[in-house]
């Protein structure tokens, strides 16, 4: 969170001298958390699969990502991406 806040400081606002103010830049951040589920559920829910493995019971598991809850946004384990003005994911 500190990195994001640091990057956002200085966006927009006035800025000494003539010519008006600098245009503001709006950022919308979406955070995701890893989620291991059965391959059957991933197919049923049309999830994007990032990795596959078989658990100790022989059940095929897949790695997906889901929207993070606030408790998951701690400890330096945040993965973020951004979208352009058309909503296309970048980064």
PDB file of N, CA and C in Angstrom:
ATOM      1  N   UNK A   1       0.826  -1.190   0.000  1.00  0.00           N
ATOM      2  CA  UNK A   1       0.000   0.000   0.000  1.00  0.00           C
ATOM      3  C   UNK A   1       0.863   1.244   0.000  1.00  0.00           C
ATOM      4  N   UNK A   2       1.981   1.219   0.704  1.00  0.00           N
ATOM      5  CA  UNK A   2       2.861   2.385   0.748  1.00  0.00           C
ATOM      6  C   UNK A   2       3.398   2.721  -0.634  1.00  0.00           C
ATOM      7  N   UNK A   3       3.708   1.707  -1.426  1.00  0.00           N
ATOM      8  CA  UNK A   3       4.230   1.954  -2.766  1.00  0.00           C
ATOM      9  C   UNK A   3       3.168   2.623  -3.626  1.00  0.00           C
ATOM     10  N   UNK A   4       1.944   2.117  -3.557  1.00  0.00           N
ATOM     11  CA  UNK A   4       0.864   2.697  -4.351  1.00  0.00           C
ATOM     12  C   UNK A   4       0.646   4.140  -3.930  1.00  0.00           C
ATOM     13  N   UNK A   5       0.582   4.393  -2.614  1.00  0.00           N
ATOM     14  CA  UNK A   5       0.378   5.750  -2.133  1.00  0.00           C
ATOM     15  C   UNK A   5       1.505   6.649  -2.608  1.00  0.00           C
ATOM     16  N   UNK A   6       2.730   6.154  -2.545  1.00  0.00           N
ATOM     17  CA  UNK A   6       3.875   6.939  -2.981  1.00  0.00           C
ATOM     18  C   UNK A   6       3.797   7.286  -4.453  1.00  0.00           C
ATOM     19  N   UNK A   7       3.317   6.364  -5.263  1.00  0.00           N
ATOM     20  CA  UNK A   7       3.212   6.617  -6.693  1.00  0.00           C
ATOM     21  C   UNK A   7       2.116   7.614  -7.010  1.00  0.00           C
ATOM     22  N   UNK A   8       1.085   7.646  -6.182  1.00  0.00           N
ATOM     23  CA  UNK A   8      -0.040   8.513  -6.458  1.00  0.00           C
ATOM     24  C   UNK A   8       0.220   9.943  -5.995  1.00  0.00           C
ATOM     25  N   UNK A   9       1.147  10.141  -5.086  1.00  0.00           N
ATOM     26  CA  UNK A   9       1.449  11.480  -4.612  1.00  0.00           C
ATOM     27  C   UNK A   9       1.953  12.304  -5.786  1.00  0.00           C
ATOM     28  N   UNK A  10       1.439  13.486  -5.925  1.00  0.00           N
ATOM     29  CA  UNK A  10       1.892  14.360  -6.997  1.00  0.00           C
ATOM     30  C   UNK A  10       1.055  14.258  -8.254  1.00  0.00           C
ATOM     31  N   UNK A  11       0.100  13.359  -8.320  1.00  0.00           N
ATOM     32  CA  UNK A  11      -0.770  13.279  -9.493  1.00  0.00           C
ATOM     33  C   UNK A  11      -1.807  14.380  -9.396  1.00  0.00           C
ATOM     34  N   UNK A  12      -1.941  15.148 -10.436  1.00  0.00           N
ATOM     35  CA  UNK A  12      -2.954  16.190 -10.477  1.00  0.00           C
ATOM     36  C   UNK A  12      -2.626  17.359  -9.570  1.00  0.00           C
ATOM     37  N   UNK A  13      -3.573  18.228  -9.403  1.00  0.00           N
ATOM     38  CA  UNK A  13      -3.390  19.372  -8.522  1.00  0.00           C
ATOM     39  C   UNK A  13      -2.769  20.564  -9.234  1.00  0.00           C
ATOM     40  N   UNK A  14      -2.529  21.593  -8.504  1.00  0.00           N
ATOM     41  CA  UNK A  14      -1.972  22.836  -9.033  1.00  0.00           C
ATOM     42  C   UNK A  14      -0.502  22.708  -9.274  1.00  0.00           C
ATOM     43  N   UNK A  15       0.281  23.415  -9.507  1.00  0.00           N
ATOM     44  CA  UNK A  15       1.692  23.196  -9.659  1.00  0.00           C
ATOM     45  C   UNK A  15       2.351  24.486 -10.044  1.00  0.00           C
ATOM     46  N   UNK A  16       2.504  25.338  -9.216  1.00  0.00           N
ATOM     47  CA  UNK A  16       3.201  26.608  -9.318  1.00  0.00           C
ATOM     48  C   UNK A  16       3.095  27.330 -10.650  1.00  0.00           C
ATOM     49  N   UNK A  17       3.169  28.479 -10.824  1.00  0.00           N
ATOM     50  CA  UNK A  17       3.276  29.163 -12.109  1.00  0.00           C
ATOM     51  C   UNK A  17       1.989  29.223 -12.909  1.00  0.00           C
ATOM     52  N   UNK A  18       2.068  29.644 -14.107  1.00  0.00           N
ATOM     53  CA  UNK A  18       0.882  29.910 -14.914  1.00  0.00           C
ATOM     54  C   UNK A  18       0.377  28.709 -15.675  1.00  0.00           C
ATOM     55  N   UNK A  19      -0.650  28.926 -16.436  1.00  0.00           N
ATOM     56  CA  UNK A  19      -1.139  27.910 -17.334  1.00  0.00           C
ATOM     57  C   UNK A  19      -2.180  26.977 -16.770  1.00  0.00           C
ATOM     58  N   UNK A  20      -2.659  27.174 -15.578  1.00  0.00           N
ATOM     59  CA  UNK A  20      -3.704  26.307 -15.042  1.00  0.00           C
ATOM     60  C   UNK A  20      -3.141  25.102 -14.326  1.00  0.00           C
ATOM     61  N   UNK A  21      -4.007  24.149 -14.066  1.00  0.00           N
ATOM     62  CA  UNK A  21      -3.595  22.988 -13.278  1.00  0.00           C
ATOM     63  C   UNK A  21      -3.284  21.798 -14.174  1.00  0.00           C
ATOM     64  N   UNK A  22      -2.540  20.872 -13.622  1.00  0.00           N
ATOM     65  CA  UNK A  22      -2.204  19.634 -14.311  1.00  0.00           C
ATOM     66  C   UNK A  22      -3.425  18.724 -14.302  1.00  0.00           C
ATOM     67  N   UNK A  23      -3.727  18.035 -15.396  1.00  0.00           N
ATOM     68  CA  UNK A  23      -4.869  17.114 -15.398  1.00  0.00           C
ATOM     69  C   UNK A  23      -4.672  16.012 -14.361  1.00  0.00           C
ATOM     70  N   UNK A  24      -5.742  15.582 -13.763  1.00  0.00           N
ATOM     71  CA  UNK A  24      -5.677  14.509 -12.777  1.00  0.00           C
ATOM     72  C   UNK A  24      -5.668  13.156 -13.481  1.00  0.00           C
ATOM     73  N   UNK A  25      -4.948  12.222 -12.892  1.00  0.00           N
ATOM     74  CA  UNK A  25      -4.909  10.852 -13.383  1.00  0.00           C
ATOM     75  C   UNK A  25      -5.623   9.979 -12.370  1.00  0.00           C
ATOM     76  N   UNK A  26      -6.598   9.209 -12.814  1.00  0.00           N
ATOM     77  CA  UNK A  26      -7.351   8.334 -11.922  1.00  0.00           C
ATOM     78  C   UNK A  26      -6.859   6.909 -12.074  1.00  0.00           C
ATOM     79  N   UNK A  27      -6.612   6.255 -10.951  1.00  0.00           N
ATOM     80  CA  UNK A  27      -6.193   4.862 -10.943  1.00  0.00           C
ATOM     81  C   UNK A  27      -7.253   4.024 -10.253  1.00  0.00           C
ATOM     82  N   UNK A  28      -7.569   2.864 -10.816  1.00  0.00           N
ATOM     83  CA  UNK A  28      -8.431   1.884 -10.171  1.00  0.00           C
ATOM     84  C   UNK A  28      -7.633   0.607 -10.044  1.00  0.00           C
ATOM     85  N   UNK A  29      -7.434   0.141  -8.818  1.00  0.00           N
ATOM     86  CA  UNK A  29      -6.632  -1.046  -8.576  1.00  0.00           C
ATOM     87  C   UNK A  29      -7.520  -2.227  -8.230  1.00  0.00           C
ATOM     88  N   UNK A  30      -7.207  -3.387  -8.793  1.00  0.00           N
ATOM     89  CA  UNK A  30      -7.885  -4.632  -8.465  1.00  0.00           C
ATOM     90  C   UNK A  30      -6.838  -5.588  -7.921  1.00  0.00           C
ATOM     91  N   UNK A  31      -7.100  -6.172  -6.766  1.00  0.00           N
ATOM     92  CA  UNK A  31      -6.157  -7.086  -6.146  1.00  0.00           C
ATOM     93  C   UNK A  31      -6.727  -8.498  -6.159  1.00  0.00           C
ATOM     94  N   UNK A  32      -5.852  -9.475  -6.373  1.00  0.00           N
ATOM     95  CA  UNK A  32      -6.278 -10.872  -6.453  1.00  0.00           C
ATOM     96  C   UNK A  32      -5.477 -11.720  -5.484  1.00  0.00           C
ATOM     97  N   UNK A  33      -6.075 -12.830  -5.091  1.00  0.00           N
ATOM     98  CA  UNK A  33      -5.415 -13.783  -4.195  1.00  0.00           C
ATOM     99  C   UNK A  33      -5.435 -15.156  -4.857  1.00  0.00           C
ATOM    100  N   UNK A  34      -4.373 -15.947  -4.670  1.00  0.00           N
ATOM    101  CA  UNK A  34      -4.357 -17.289  -5.256  1.00  0.00           C
ATOM    102  C   UNK A  34      -5.440 -18.163  -4.646  1.00  0.00           C
ATOM    103  N   UNK A  35      -5.975 -19.049  -5.455  1.00  0.00           N
ATOM    104  CA  UNK A  35      -7.044 -19.936  -5.012  1.00  0.00           C
ATOM    105  C   UNK A  35      -6.864 -21.277  -5.718  1.00  0.00           C
ATOM    106  N   UNK A  36      -6.680 -22.351  -4.952  1.00  0.00           N
ATOM    107  CA  UNK A  36      -6.546 -23.693  -5.524  1.00  0.00           C
ATOM    108  C   UNK A  36      -7.900 -24.383  -5.408  1.00  0.00           C
ATOM    109  N   UNK A  37      -8.440 -24.793  -6.559  1.00  0.00           N
ATOM    110  CA  UNK A  37      -9.743 -25.464  -6.596  1.00  0.00           C
ATOM    111  C   UNK A  37      -9.644 -26.679  -7.507  1.00  0.00           C
ATOM    112  N   UNK A  38     -10.694 -27.499  -7.492  1.00  0.00           N
ATOM    113  CA  UNK A  38     -10.686 -28.677  -8.364  1.00  0.00           C
ATOM    114  C   UNK A  38     -10.806 -28.233  -9.816  1.00  0.00           C
ATOM    115  N   UNK A  39     -10.223 -29.024 -10.698  1.00  0.00           N
ATOM    116  CA  UNK A  39     -10.299 -28.689 -12.121  1.00  0.00           C
ATOM    117  C   UNK A  39     -11.748 -28.700 -12.596  1.00  0.00           C
ATOM    118  N   UNK A  40     -12.561 -29.579 -12.034  1.00  0.00           N
ATOM    119  CA  UNK A  40     -13.979 -29.645 -12.393  1.00  0.00           C
ATOM    120  C   UNK A  40     -14.671 -28.316 -12.101  1.00  0.00           C
ATOM    121  N   UNK A  41     -14.433 -27.762 -10.902  1.00  0.00           N
ATOM    122  CA  UNK A  41     -15.048 -26.476 -10.554  1.00  0.00           C
ATOM    123  C   UNK A  41     -14.517 -25.347 -11.424  1.00  0.00           C
ATOM    124  N   UNK A  42     -13.231 -25.388 -11.746  1.00  0.00           N
ATOM    125  CA  UNK A  42     -12.650 -24.353 -12.601  1.00  0.00           C
ATOM    126  C   UNK A  42     -13.298 -24.364 -13.982  1.00  0.00           C
ATOM    127  N   UNK A  43     -13.535 -25.551 -14.518  1.00  0.00           N
ATOM    128  CA  UNK A  43     -14.183 -25.656 -15.825  1.00  0.00           C
ATOM    129  C   UNK A  43     -15.626 -25.182 -15.740  1.00  0.00           C
ATOM    130  N   UNK A  44     -16.320 -25.581 -14.676  1.00  0.00           N
ATOM    131  CA  UNK A  44     -17.720 -25.201 -14.491  1.00  0.00           C
ATOM    132  C   UNK A  44     -17.873 -23.684 -14.394  1.00  0.00           C
ATOM    133  N   UNK A  45     -16.936 -23.032 -13.691  1.00  0.00           N
ATOM    134  CA  UNK A  45     -17.016 -21.589 -13.472  1.00  0.00           C
ATOM    135  C   UNK A  45     -16.237 -20.777 -14.507  1.00  0.00           C
ATOM    136  N   UNK A  46     -15.683 -21.443 -15.534  1.00  0.00           N
ATOM    137  CA  UNK A  46     -14.904 -20.783 -16.593  1.00  0.00           C
ATOM    138  C   UNK A  46     -13.753 -19.952 -16.032  1.00  0.00           C
ATOM    139  N   UNK A  47     -13.010 -20.531 -15.093  1.00  0.00           N
ATOM    140  CA  UNK A  47     -11.874 -19.844 -14.471  1.00  0.00           C
ATOM    141  C   UNK A  47     -10.646 -19.902 -15.375  1.00  0.00           C
ATOM    142  N   UNK A  48      -9.812 -18.890 -15.280  1.00  0.00           N
ATOM    143  CA  UNK A  48      -8.507 -18.922 -15.929  1.00  0.00           C
ATOM    144  C   UNK A  48      -7.593 -19.765 -15.060  1.00  0.00           C
ATOM    145  N   UNK A  49      -6.915 -20.735 -15.662  1.00  0.00           N
ATOM    146  CA  UNK A  49      -6.042 -21.656 -14.925  1.00  0.00           C
ATOM    147  C   UNK A  49      -4.593 -21.236 -15.140  1.00  0.00           C
ATOM    148  N   UNK A  50      -3.851 -21.090 -14.028  1.00  0.00           N
ATOM    149  CA  UNK A  50      -2.448 -20.677 -14.091  1.00  0.00           C
ATOM    150  C   UNK A  50      -1.488 -21.827 -13.832  1.00  0.00           C
ATOM    151  N   UNK A  51      -1.953 -22.894 -13.184  1.00  0.00           N
ATOM    152  CA  UNK A  51      -1.095 -24.044 -12.895  1.00  0.00           C
ATOM    153  C   UNK A  51      -1.988 -25.228 -12.559  1.00  0.00           C
ATOM    154  N   UNK A  52      -1.457 -26.433 -12.763  1.00  0.00           N
ATOM    155  CA  UNK A  52      -2.188 -27.663 -12.454  1.00  0.00           C
ATOM    156  C   UNK A  52      -1.334 -28.547 -11.563  1.00  0.00           C
ATOM    157  N   UNK A  53      -2.016 -29.316 -10.692  1.00  0.00           N
ATOM    158  CA  UNK A  53      -1.332 -30.299  -9.847  1.00  0.00           C
ATOM    159  C   UNK A  53      -2.345 -31.348  -9.419  1.00  0.00           C
ATOM    160  N   UNK A  54      -1.844 -32.437  -8.889  1.00  0.00           N
ATOM    161  CA  UNK A  54      -2.708 -33.501  -8.369  1.00  0.00           C
ATOM    162  C   UNK A  54      -2.467 -33.570  -6.869  1.00  0.00           C
ATOM    163  N   UNK A  55      -3.549 -33.527  -6.079  1.00  0.00           N
ATOM    164  CA  UNK A  55      -3.375 -33.571  -4.626  1.00  0.00           C
ATOM    165  C   UNK A  55      -3.111 -34.997  -4.149  1.00  0.00           C
ATOM    166  N   UNK A  56      -2.940 -35.185  -2.853  1.00  0.00           N
ATOM    167  CA  UNK A  56      -2.610 -36.488  -2.277  1.00  0.00           C
ATOM    168  C   UNK A  56      -3.674 -37.544  -2.482  1.00  0.00           C
ATOM    169  N   UNK A  57      -4.895 -37.134  -2.796  1.00  0.00           N
ATOM    170  CA  UNK A  57      -5.991 -38.074  -3.036  1.00  0.00           C
ATOM    171  C   UNK A  57      -6.195 -38.351  -4.520  1.00  0.00           C
ATOM    172  N   UNK A  58      -5.301 -37.825  -5.358  1.00  0.00           N
ATOM    173  CA  UNK A  58      -5.420 -38.051  -6.796  1.00  0.00           C
ATOM    174  C   UNK A  58      -6.398 -37.127  -7.495  1.00  0.00           C
ATOM    175  N   UNK A  59      -6.867 -36.093  -6.805  1.00  0.00           N
ATOM    176  CA  UNK A  59      -7.815 -35.147  -7.399  1.00  0.00           C
ATOM    177  C   UNK A  59      -7.035 -34.045  -8.111  1.00  0.00           C
ATOM    178  N   UNK A  60      -7.398 -33.788  -9.355  1.00  0.00           N
ATOM    179  CA  UNK A  60      -6.728 -32.747 -10.130  1.00  0.00           C
ATOM    180  C   UNK A  60      -7.137 -31.379  -9.600  1.00  0.00           C
ATOM    181  N   UNK A  61      -6.145 -30.587  -9.223  1.00  0.00           N
ATOM    182  CA  UNK A  61      -6.348 -29.249  -8.682  1.00  0.00           C
ATOM    183  C   UNK A  61      -5.744 -28.229  -9.643  1.00  0.00           C
ATOM    184  N   UNK A  62      -6.288 -27.017  -9.648  1.00  0.00           N
ATOM    185  CA  UNK A  62      -5.755 -25.950 -10.487  1.00  0.00           C
ATOM    186  C   UNK A  62      -5.590 -24.680  -9.661  1.00  0.00           C
ATOM    187  N   UNK A  63      -4.631 -23.866 -10.078  1.00  0.00           N
ATOM    188  CA  UNK A  63      -4.407 -22.572  -9.443  1.00  0.00           C
ATOM    189  C   UNK A  63      -5.144 -21.512 -10.238  1.00  0.00           C
ATOM    190  N   UNK A  64      -6.008 -20.781  -9.563  1.00  0.00           N
ATOM    191  CA  UNK A  64      -6.718 -19.644 -10.146  1.00  0.00           C
ATOM    192  C   UNK A  64      -6.496 -18.450  -9.217  1.00  0.00           C
ATOM    193  N   UNK A  65      -7.066 -17.333  -9.558  1.00  0.00           N
ATOM    194  CA  UNK A  65      -7.008 -16.160  -8.684  1.00  0.00           C
ATOM    195  C   UNK A  65      -8.412 -15.623  -8.513  1.00  0.00           C
ATOM    196  N   UNK A  66      -8.700 -15.107  -7.326  1.00  0.00           N
ATOM    197  CA  UNK A  66     -10.003 -14.536  -7.011  1.00  0.00           C
ATOM    198  C   UNK A  66      -9.786 -13.145  -6.436  1.00  0.00           C
ATOM    199  N   UNK A  67     -10.815 -12.315  -6.427  1.00  0.00           N
ATOM    200  CA  UNK A  67     -10.654 -10.993  -5.815  1.00  0.00           C
ATOM    201  C   UNK A  67     -10.215 -11.136  -4.355  1.00  0.00           C
ATOM    202  N   UNK A  68      -9.242 -10.340  -3.960  1.00  0.00           N
ATOM    203  CA  UNK A  68      -8.710 -10.406  -2.596  1.00  0.00           C
ATOM    204  C   UNK A  68      -9.635  -9.690  -1.619  1.00  0.00           C
ATOM    205  N   UNK A  69      -9.673 -10.188  -0.387  1.00  0.00           N
ATOM    206  CA  UNK A  69     -10.371  -9.506   0.700  1.00  0.00           C
ATOM    207  C   UNK A  69      -9.329  -8.699   1.467  1.00  0.00           C
ATOM    208  N   UNK A  70      -9.761  -7.741   2.238  1.00  0.00           N
ATOM    209  CA  UNK A  70      -8.827  -6.815   2.888  1.00  0.00           C
ATOM    210  C   UNK A  70      -7.793  -7.523   3.753  1.00  0.00           C
ATOM    211  N   UNK A  71      -8.142  -8.617   4.405  1.00  0.00           N
ATOM    212  CA  UNK A  71      -7.189  -9.334   5.258  1.00  0.00           C
ATOM    213  C   UNK A  71      -6.026  -9.912   4.451  1.00  0.00           C
ATOM    214  N   UNK A  72      -6.216 -10.111   3.153  1.00  0.00           N
ATOM    215  CA  UNK A  72      -5.165 -10.670   2.306  1.00  0.00           C
ATOM    216  C   UNK A  72      -4.216  -9.601   1.772  1.00  0.00           C
ATOM    217  N   UNK A  73      -4.519  -8.358   1.992  1.00  0.00           N
ATOM    218  CA  UNK A  73      -3.707  -7.272   1.444  1.00  0.00           C
ATOM    219  C   UNK A  73      -2.659  -6.796   2.443  1.00  0.00           C
ATOM    220  N   UNK A  74      -2.068  -7.731   3.162  1.00  0.00           N
ATOM    221  CA  UNK A  74      -1.035  -7.401   4.142  1.00  0.00           C
ATOM    222  C   UNK A  74       0.166  -8.308   3.931  1.00  0.00           C
ATOM    223  N   UNK A  75       1.277  -7.978   4.533  1.00  0.00           N
ATOM    224  CA  UNK A  75       2.441  -8.849   4.516  1.00  0.00           C
ATOM    225  C   UNK A  75       3.245  -8.821   3.236  1.00  0.00           C
ATOM    226  N   UNK A  76       3.074  -7.818   2.398  1.00  0.00           N
ATOM    227  CA  UNK A  76       3.886  -7.711   1.194  1.00  0.00           C
ATOM    228  C   UNK A  76       3.596  -8.763   0.141  1.00  0.00           C
ATOM    229  N   UNK A  77       2.407  -9.352   0.157  1.00  0.00           N
ATOM    230  CA  UNK A  77       2.078 -10.401  -0.806  1.00  0.00           C
ATOM    231  C   UNK A  77       0.996  -9.940  -1.773  1.00  0.00           C
ATOM    232  N   UNK A  78       1.018  -8.687  -2.140  1.00  0.00           N
ATOM    233  CA  UNK A  78       0.000  -8.120  -3.013  1.00  0.00           C
ATOM    234  C   UNK A  78       0.453  -8.207  -4.462  1.00  0.00           C
ATOM    235  N   UNK A  79      -0.431  -8.715  -5.332  1.00  0.00           N
ATOM    236  CA  UNK A  79      -0.193  -8.748  -6.770  1.00  0.00           C
ATOM    237  C   UNK A  79      -1.271  -7.875  -7.399  1.00  0.00           C
ATOM    238  N   UNK A  80      -0.876  -6.897  -8.176  1.00  0.00           N
ATOM    239  CA  UNK A  80      -1.854  -6.006  -8.773  1.00  0.00           C
ATOM    240  C   UNK A  80      -1.658  -5.876 -10.269  1.00  0.00           C
ATOM    241  N   UNK A  81      -2.687  -5.455 -10.957  1.00  0.00           N
ATOM    242  CA  UNK A  81      -2.604  -5.137 -12.374  1.00  0.00           C
ATOM    243  C   UNK A  81      -3.475  -3.919 -12.605  1.00  0.00           C
ATOM    244  N   UNK A  82      -3.361  -3.309 -13.748  1.00  0.00           N
ATOM    245  CA  UNK A  82      -4.188  -2.157 -14.053  1.00  0.00           C
ATOM    246  C   UNK A  82      -4.821  -2.332 -15.422  1.00  0.00           C
ATOM    247  N   UNK A  83      -5.885  -1.576 -15.664  1.00  0.00           N
ATOM    248  CA  UNK A  83      -6.588  -1.614 -16.945  1.00  0.00           C
ATOM    249  C   UNK A  83      -6.473  -0.260 -17.617  1.00  0.00           C
ATOM    250  N   UNK A  84      -6.454  -0.280 -18.947  1.00  0.00           N
ATOM    251  CA  UNK A  84      -6.425   0.988 -19.668  1.00  0.00           C
ATOM    252  C   UNK A  84      -7.826   1.592 -19.700  1.00  0.00           C
ATOM    253  N   UNK A  85      -7.992   2.718 -20.385  1.00  0.00           N
ATOM    254  CA  UNK A  85      -9.276   3.417 -20.379  1.00  0.00           C
ATOM    255  C   UNK A  85     -10.410   2.590 -20.977  1.00  0.00           C
ATOM    256  N   UNK A  86     -10.085   1.542 -21.745  1.00  0.00           N
ATOM    257  CA  UNK A  86     -11.098   0.664 -22.330  1.00  0.00           C
ATOM    258  C   UNK A  86     -11.365  -0.569 -21.480  1.00  0.00           C
ATOM    259  N   UNK A  87     -10.718  -0.646 -20.314  1.00  0.00           N
ATOM    260  CA  UNK A  87     -10.917  -1.784 -19.433  1.00  0.00           C
ATOM    261  C   UNK A  87     -10.062  -2.984 -19.775  1.00  0.00           C
ATOM    262  N   UNK A  88      -9.101  -2.826 -20.692  1.00  0.00           N
ATOM    263  CA  UNK A  88      -8.218  -3.926 -21.073  1.00  0.00           C
ATOM    264  C   UNK A  88      -7.101  -4.031 -20.042  1.00  0.00           C
ATOM    265  N   UNK A  89      -6.930  -5.227 -19.480  1.00  0.00           N
ATOM    266  CA  UNK A  89      -5.932  -5.439 -18.436  1.00  0.00           C
ATOM    267  C   UNK A  89      -4.519  -5.251 -18.969  1.00  0.00           C
ATOM    268  N   UNK A  90      -3.703  -4.556 -18.216  1.00  0.00           N
ATOM    269  CA  UNK A  90      -2.314  -4.274 -18.561  1.00  0.00           C
ATOM    270  C   UNK A  90      -1.417  -4.772 -17.432  1.00  0.00           C
ATOM    271  N   UNK A  91      -0.155  -5.024 -17.728  1.00  0.00           N
ATOM    272  CA  UNK A  91       0.824  -5.364 -16.692  1.00  0.00           C
ATOM    273  C   UNK A  91       0.670  -6.720 -16.082  1.00  0.00           C
TER     274      UNK A  91
END
